[in-house]
Every structure is written in C-alpha cells, then in structure tokens.
Amino acid sequence: MKLPFITILSILPLIAALSSCKEKGPAEKAGEKLDDAVEEIEDTVNPKGPVEKAGEKVDEALEN
C-alpha cells in the first residue's frame, strides 16, 4: 500500500523544516517515530525481501 500523494506533500515541508537543525528536538524525534510506524505498516502490507532488508541494515549502519 502506497501513501496517498497528498499525504506525502503534507509531510515534505515538515521534513524540510526539521532537516536544518543540528540537534534532534522533540518534534524531530516524534517525526522519526511516525516514520517508523508508517514503515512498519507498509512492511506488514507489502513485506520486504531478504536483499532489501540487508540493504536497509547497511544504510542504517552507515548513517551512524
């Protein structure tokens, strides 16, 4: 299940505003939790394969 286009458009300005901060504030932390929840729902509806999961783990490791 894909997110509706209008939902993506409404989230983009929030992401852009938060990306300019150096420290993570409460709004950014809440946004990350929301992103994680949406991703979990998407994974439930459309499960990821083993290669995609491995790629995400590599991405997460490189972000830190």
PDB file of N, CA and C in Angstrom:
ATOM      1  N   MET A   1       0.843  -1.176   0.000  1.00  0.00           N
ATOM      2  CA  MET A   1       0.000   0.000   0.000  1.00  0.00           C
ATOM      3  C   MET A   1       0.887   1.236   0.000  1.00  0.00           C
ATOM      4  N   LYS A   2       0.626   2.097  -0.918  1.00  0.00           N
ATOM      5  CA  LYS A   2       1.401   3.329  -1.022  1.00  0.00           C
ATOM      6  C   LYS A   2       0.648   4.457  -0.337  1.00  0.00           C
ATOM      7  N   LEU A   3       1.416   5.415   0.176  1.00  0.00           N
ATOM      8  CA  LEU A   3       0.798   6.578   0.797  1.00  0.00           C
ATOM      9  C   LEU A   3       0.176   7.454  -0.281  1.00  0.00           C
ATOM     10  N   PRO A   4      -0.969   8.058   0.022  1.00  0.00           N
ATOM     11  CA  PRO A   4      -1.569   8.975  -0.950  1.00  0.00           C
ATOM     12  C   PRO A   4      -0.633  10.151  -1.204  1.00  0.00           C
ATOM     13  N   PHE A   5      -0.678  10.664  -2.416  1.00  0.00           N
ATOM     14  CA  PHE A   5       0.197  11.755  -2.824  1.00  0.00           C
ATOM     15  C   PHE A   5       0.012  12.977  -1.932  1.00  0.00           C
ATOM     16  N   ILE A   6      -1.213  13.266  -1.530  1.00  0.00           N
ATOM     17  CA  ILE A   6      -1.484  14.440  -0.687  1.00  0.00           C
ATOM     18  C   ILE A   6      -0.822  14.288   0.685  1.00  0.00           C
ATOM     19  N   THR A   7      -0.748  13.065   1.200  1.00  0.00           N
ATOM     20  CA  THR A   7      -0.097  12.827   2.485  1.00  0.00           C
ATOM     21  C   THR A   7       1.400  13.105   2.372  1.00  0.00           C
ATOM     22  N   ILE A   8       1.991  12.658   1.290  1.00  0.00           N
ATOM     23  CA  ILE A   8       3.412  12.892   1.078  1.00  0.00           C
ATOM     24  C   ILE A   8       3.679  14.386   0.959  1.00  0.00           C
ATOM     25  N   LEU A   9       2.822  15.096   0.229  1.00  0.00           N
ATOM     26  CA  LEU A   9       3.010  16.539   0.081  1.00  0.00           C
ATOM     27  C   LEU A   9       2.864  17.283   1.396  1.00  0.00           C
ATOM     28  N   SER A  10       2.016  16.789   2.277  1.00  0.00           N
ATOM     29  CA  SER A  10       1.840  17.469   3.561  1.00  0.00           C
ATOM     30  C   SER A  10       2.989  17.182   4.520  1.00  0.00           C
ATOM     31  N   ILE A  11       3.694  16.082   4.346  1.00  0.00           N
ATOM     32  CA  ILE A  11       4.806  15.726   5.220  1.00  0.00           C
ATOM     33  C   ILE A  11       6.113  16.386   4.765  1.00  0.00           C
ATOM     34  N   LEU A  12       6.280  16.615   3.478  1.00  0.00           N
ATOM     35  CA  LEU A  12       7.531  17.152   2.951  1.00  0.00           C
ATOM     36  C   LEU A  12       7.953  18.483   3.577  1.00  0.00           C
ATOM     37  N   PRO A  13       7.067  19.467   3.751  1.00  0.00           N
ATOM     38  CA  PRO A  13       7.516  20.720   4.385  1.00  0.00           C
ATOM     39  C   PRO A  13       8.000  20.511   5.822  1.00  0.00           C
ATOM     40  N   LEU A  14       7.383  19.610   6.538  1.00  0.00           N
ATOM     41  CA  LEU A  14       7.807  19.308   7.904  1.00  0.00           C
ATOM     42  C   LEU A  14       9.210  18.703   7.898  1.00  0.00           C
ATOM     43  N   ILE A  15       9.452  17.804   6.985  1.00  0.00           N
ATOM     44  CA  ILE A  15      10.775  17.186   6.887  1.00  0.00           C
ATOM     45  C   ILE A  15      11.825  18.241   6.516  1.00  0.00           C
ATOM     46  N   ALA A  16      11.497  19.106   5.587  1.00  0.00           N
ATOM     47  CA  ALA A  16      12.442  20.145   5.172  1.00  0.00           C
ATOM     48  C   ALA A  16      12.752  21.094   6.320  1.00  0.00           C
ATOM     49  N   ALA A  17      11.745  21.452   7.099  1.00  0.00           N
ATOM     50  CA  ALA A  17      11.957  22.364   8.221  1.00  0.00           C
ATOM     51  C   ALA A  17      12.827  21.724   9.294  1.00  0.00           C
ATOM     52  N   LEU A  18      12.644  20.463   9.528  1.00  0.00           N
ATOM     53  CA  LEU A  18      13.396  19.786  10.578  1.00  0.00           C
ATOM     54  C   LEU A  18      14.819  19.411  10.149  1.00  0.00           C
ATOM     55  N   SER A  19      15.051  19.324   8.870  1.00  0.00           N
ATOM     56  CA  SER A  19      16.363  18.887   8.415  1.00  0.00           C
ATOM     57  C   SER A  19      17.444  19.946   8.610  1.00  0.00           C
ATOM     58  N   SER A  20      17.065  21.189   8.875  1.00  0.00           N
ATOM     59  CA  SER A  20      18.063  22.239   9.028  1.00  0.00           C
ATOM     60  C   SER A  20      18.623  22.322  10.448  1.00  0.00           C
ATOM     61  N   CYS A  21      18.053  21.624  11.394  1.00  0.00           N
ATOM     62  CA  CYS A  21      18.515  21.662  12.777  1.00  0.00           C
ATOM     63  C   CYS A  21      19.711  20.725  12.978  1.00  0.00           C
ATOM     64  N   LYS A  22      20.623  21.118  13.861  1.00  0.00           N
ATOM     65  CA  LYS A  22      21.777  20.266  14.178  1.00  0.00           C
ATOM     66  C   LYS A  22      21.413  19.195  15.198  1.00  0.00           C
ATOM     67  N   GLU A  23      20.665  19.571  16.217  1.00  0.00           N
ATOM     68  CA  GLU A  23      20.272  18.627  17.257  1.00  0.00           C
ATOM     69  C   GLU A  23      18.847  18.140  17.001  1.00  0.00           C
ATOM     70  N   LYS A  24      18.579  16.941  17.471  1.00  0.00           N
ATOM     71  CA  LYS A  24      17.236  16.402  17.338  1.00  0.00           C
ATOM     72  C   LYS A  24      16.375  16.951  18.469  1.00  0.00           C
ATOM     73  N   GLY A  25      15.339  17.646  18.094  1.00  0.00           N
ATOM     74  CA  GLY A  25      14.406  18.167  19.070  1.00  0.00           C
ATOM     75  C   GLY A  25      13.242  17.212  19.237  1.00  0.00           C
ATOM     76  N   PRO A  26      12.298  17.572  20.088  1.00  0.00           N
ATOM     77  CA  PRO A  26      11.158  16.685  20.326  1.00  0.00           C
ATOM     78  C   PRO A  26      10.305  16.462  19.077  1.00  0.00           C
ATOM     79  N   ALA A  27      10.184  17.476  18.224  1.00  0.00           N
ATOM     80  CA  ALA A  27       9.381  17.307  17.016  1.00  0.00           C
ATOM     81  C   ALA A  27      10.048  16.334  16.049  1.00  0.00           C
ATOM     82  N   GLU A  28      11.365  16.431  15.929  1.00  0.00           N
ATOM     83  CA  GLU A  28      12.078  15.517  15.026  1.00  0.00           C
ATOM     84  C   GLU A  28      12.016  14.087  15.540  1.00  0.00           C
ATOM     85  N   LYS A  29      12.149  13.920  16.838  1.00  0.00           N
ATOM     86  CA  LYS A  29      12.055  12.576  17.418  1.00  0.00           C
ATOM     87  C   LYS A  29      10.665  11.998  17.191  1.00  0.00           C
ATOM     88  N   ALA A  30       9.636  12.828  17.351  1.00  0.00           N
ATOM     89  CA  ALA A  30       8.264  12.371  17.112  1.00  0.00           C
ATOM     90  C   ALA A  30       8.071  12.029  15.640  1.00  0.00           C
ATOM     91  N   GLY A  31       8.668  12.838  14.765  1.00  0.00           N
ATOM     92  CA  GLY A  31       8.579  12.560  13.332  1.00  0.00           C
ATOM     93  C   GLY A  31       9.241  11.253  12.955  1.00  0.00           C
ATOM     94  N   GLU A  32      10.377  10.968  13.585  1.00  0.00           N
ATOM     95  CA  GLU A  32      11.060   9.702  13.312  1.00  0.00           C
ATOM     96  C   GLU A  32      10.213   8.523  13.779  1.00  0.00           C
ATOM     97  N   LYS A  33       9.569   8.672  14.934  1.00  0.00           N
ATOM     98  CA  LYS A  33       8.697   7.599  15.416  1.00  0.00           C
ATOM     99  C   LYS A  33       7.529   7.395  14.454  1.00  0.00           C
ATOM    100  N   LEU A  34       6.998   8.502  13.926  1.00  0.00           N
ATOM    101  CA  LEU A  34       5.904   8.415  12.966  1.00  0.00           C
ATOM    102  C   LEU A  34       6.384   7.722  11.689  1.00  0.00           C
ATOM    103  N   ASP A  35       7.568   8.091  11.217  1.00  0.00           N
ATOM    104  CA  ASP A  35       8.131   7.448  10.031  1.00  0.00           C
ATOM    105  C   ASP A  35       8.308   5.948  10.244  1.00  0.00           C
ATOM    106  N   ASP A  36       8.807   5.574  11.423  1.00  0.00           N
ATOM    107  CA  ASP A  36       8.996   4.158  11.740  1.00  0.00           C
ATOM    108  C   ASP A  36       7.662   3.419  11.748  1.00  0.00           C
ATOM    109  N   ALA A  37       6.635   4.053  12.310  1.00  0.00           N
ATOM    110  CA  ALA A  37       5.320   3.418  12.371  1.00  0.00           C
ATOM    111  C   ALA A  37       4.755   3.213  10.970  1.00  0.00           C
ATOM    112  N   VAL A  38       4.898   4.223  10.112  1.00  0.00           N
ATOM    113  CA  VAL A  38       4.403   4.112   8.740  1.00  0.00           C
ATOM    114  C   VAL A  38       5.156   3.009   8.003  1.00  0.00           C
ATOM    115  N   GLU A  39       6.462   2.940   8.217  1.00  0.00           N
ATOM    116  CA  GLU A  39       7.259   1.905   7.562  1.00  0.00           C
ATOM    117  C   GLU A  39       6.839   0.507   8.028  1.00  0.00           C
ATOM    118  N   GLU A  40       6.545   0.367   9.317  1.00  0.00           N
ATOM    119  CA  GLU A  40       6.099  -0.934   9.828  1.00  0.00           C
ATOM    120  C   GLU A  40       4.776  -1.338   9.199  1.00  0.00           C
ATOM    121  N   ILE A  41       3.875  -0.376   9.027  1.00  0.00           N
ATOM    122  CA  ILE A  41       2.582  -0.666   8.398  1.00  0.00           C
ATOM    123  C   ILE A  41       2.798  -1.080   6.947  1.00  0.00           C
ATOM    124  N   GLU A  42       3.672  -0.358   6.242  1.00  0.00           N
ATOM    125  CA  GLU A  42       3.963  -0.714   4.854  1.00  0.00           C
ATOM    126  C   GLU A  42       4.571  -2.112   4.772  1.00  0.00           C
ATOM    127  N   ASP A  43       5.457  -2.451   5.724  1.00  0.00           N
ATOM    128  CA  ASP A  43       6.077  -3.775   5.725  1.00  0.00           C
ATOM    129  C   ASP A  43       5.049  -4.870   5.977  1.00  0.00           C
ATOM    130  N   THR A  44       4.047  -4.573   6.771  1.00  0.00           N
ATOM    131  CA  THR A  44       3.002  -5.550   7.048  1.00  0.00           C
ATOM    132  C   THR A  44       2.176  -5.816   5.799  1.00  0.00           C
ATOM    133  N   VAL A  45       1.853  -4.749   5.073  1.00  0.00           N
ATOM    134  CA  VAL A  45       1.033  -4.879   3.874  1.00  0.00           C
ATOM    135  C   VAL A  45       1.841  -5.448   2.711  1.00  0.00           C
ATOM    136  N   ASN A  46       3.084  -4.982   2.572  1.00  0.00           N
ATOM    137  CA  ASN A  46       3.941  -5.407   1.465  1.00  0.00           C
ATOM    138  C   ASN A  46       5.303  -5.793   2.038  1.00  0.00           C
ATOM    139  N   PRO A  47       5.448  -7.043   2.488  1.00  0.00           N
ATOM    140  CA  PRO A  47       6.691  -7.458   3.142  1.00  0.00           C
ATOM    141  C   PRO A  47       7.915  -7.307   2.233  1.00  0.00           C
ATOM    142  N   LYS A  48       9.047  -6.973   2.851  1.00  0.00           N
ATOM    143  CA  LYS A  48      10.303  -6.801   2.129  1.00  0.00           C
ATOM    144  C   LYS A  48      11.007  -8.143   2.004  1.00  0.00           C
ATOM    145  N   GLY A  49      11.777  -8.259   0.947  1.00  0.00           N
ATOM    146  CA  GLY A  49      12.565  -9.466   0.733  1.00  0.00           C
ATOM    147  C   GLY A  49      13.870  -9.396   1.502  1.00  0.00           C
ATOM    148  N   PRO A  50      14.624 -10.490   1.536  1.00  0.00           N
ATOM    149  CA  PRO A  50      15.870 -10.533   2.307  1.00  0.00           C
ATOM    150  C   PRO A  50      16.934  -9.557   1.801  1.00  0.00           C
ATOM    151  N   VAL A  51      17.001  -9.320   0.505  1.00  0.00           N
ATOM    152  CA  VAL A  51      18.010  -8.404  -0.031  1.00  0.00           C
ATOM    153  C   VAL A  51      17.678  -6.971   0.367  1.00  0.00           C
ATOM    154  N   GLU A  52      16.409  -6.611   0.309  1.00  0.00           N
ATOM    155  CA  GLU A  52      16.005  -5.260   0.704  1.00  0.00           C
ATOM    156  C   GLU A  52      16.250  -5.028   2.192  1.00  0.00           C
ATOM    157  N   LYS A  53      15.969  -6.034   3.008  1.00  0.00           N
ATOM    158  CA  LYS A  53      16.231  -5.922   4.443  1.00  0.00           C
ATOM    159  C   LYS A  53      17.720  -5.739   4.712  1.00  0.00           C
ATOM    160  N   ALA A  54      18.558  -6.493   3.999  1.00  0.00           N
ATOM    161  CA  ALA A  54      20.008  -6.380   4.177  1.00  0.00           C
ATOM    162  C   ALA A  54      20.480  -4.992   3.761  1.00  0.00           C
ATOM    163  N   GLY A  55      19.938  -4.471   2.682  1.00  0.00           N
ATOM    164  CA  GLY A  55      20.307  -3.140   2.225  1.00  0.00           C
ATOM    165  C   GLY A  55      19.942  -2.069   3.235  1.00  0.00           C
ATOM    166  N   GLU A  56      18.789  -2.207   3.873  1.00  0.00           N
ATOM    167  CA  GLU A  56      18.385  -1.247   4.899  1.00  0.00           C
ATOM    168  C   GLU A  56      19.327  -1.296   6.098  1.00  0.00           C
ATOM    169  N   LYS A  57      19.764  -2.497   6.463  1.00  0.00           N
ATOM    170  CA  LYS A  57      20.688  -2.608   7.598  1.00  0.00           C
ATOM    171  C   LYS A  57      22.022  -1.938   7.278  1.00  0.00           C
ATOM    172  N   VAL A  58      22.471  -2.064   6.034  1.00  0.00           N
ATOM    173  CA  VAL A  58      23.704  -1.395   5.624  1.00  0.00           C
ATOM    174  C   VAL A  58      23.506   0.123   5.690  1.00  0.00           C
ATOM    175  N   ASP A  59      22.371   0.597   5.173  1.00  0.00           N
ATOM    176  CA  ASP A  59      22.088   2.043   5.221  1.00  0.00           C
ATOM    177  C   ASP A  59      22.077   2.555   6.654  1.00  0.00           C
ATOM    178  N   GLU A  60      21.425   1.821   7.544  1.00  0.00           N
ATOM    179  CA  GLU A  60      21.361   2.236   8.950  1.00  0.00           C
ATOM    180  C   GLU A  60      22.751   2.259   9.579  1.00  0.00           C
ATOM    181  N   ALA A  61      23.578   1.277   9.246  1.00  0.00           N
ATOM    182  CA  ALA A  61      24.920   1.225   9.812  1.00  0.00           C
ATOM    183  C   ALA A  61      25.768   2.401   9.326  1.00  0.00           C
ATOM    184  N   LEU A  62      25.589   2.810   8.104  1.00  0.00           N
ATOM    185  CA  LEU A  62      26.370   3.909   7.541  1.00  0.00           C
ATOM    186  C   LEU A  62      25.890   5.274   8.035  1.00  0.00           C
ATOM    187  N   GLU A  63      24.634   5.375   8.451  1.00  0.00           N
ATOM    188  CA  GLU A  63      24.108   6.638   8.953  1.00  0.00           C
ATOM    189  C   GLU A  63      24.730   6.976  10.301  1.00  0.00           C
ATOM    190  N   ASN A  64      25.039   6.007  11.121  1.00  0.00           N
ATOM    191  CA  ASN A  64      25.573   6.251  12.456  1.00  0.00           C
ATOM    192  C   ASN A  64      27.008   6.447  12.390  1.00  0.00           C
TER     193      ASN A  64
END
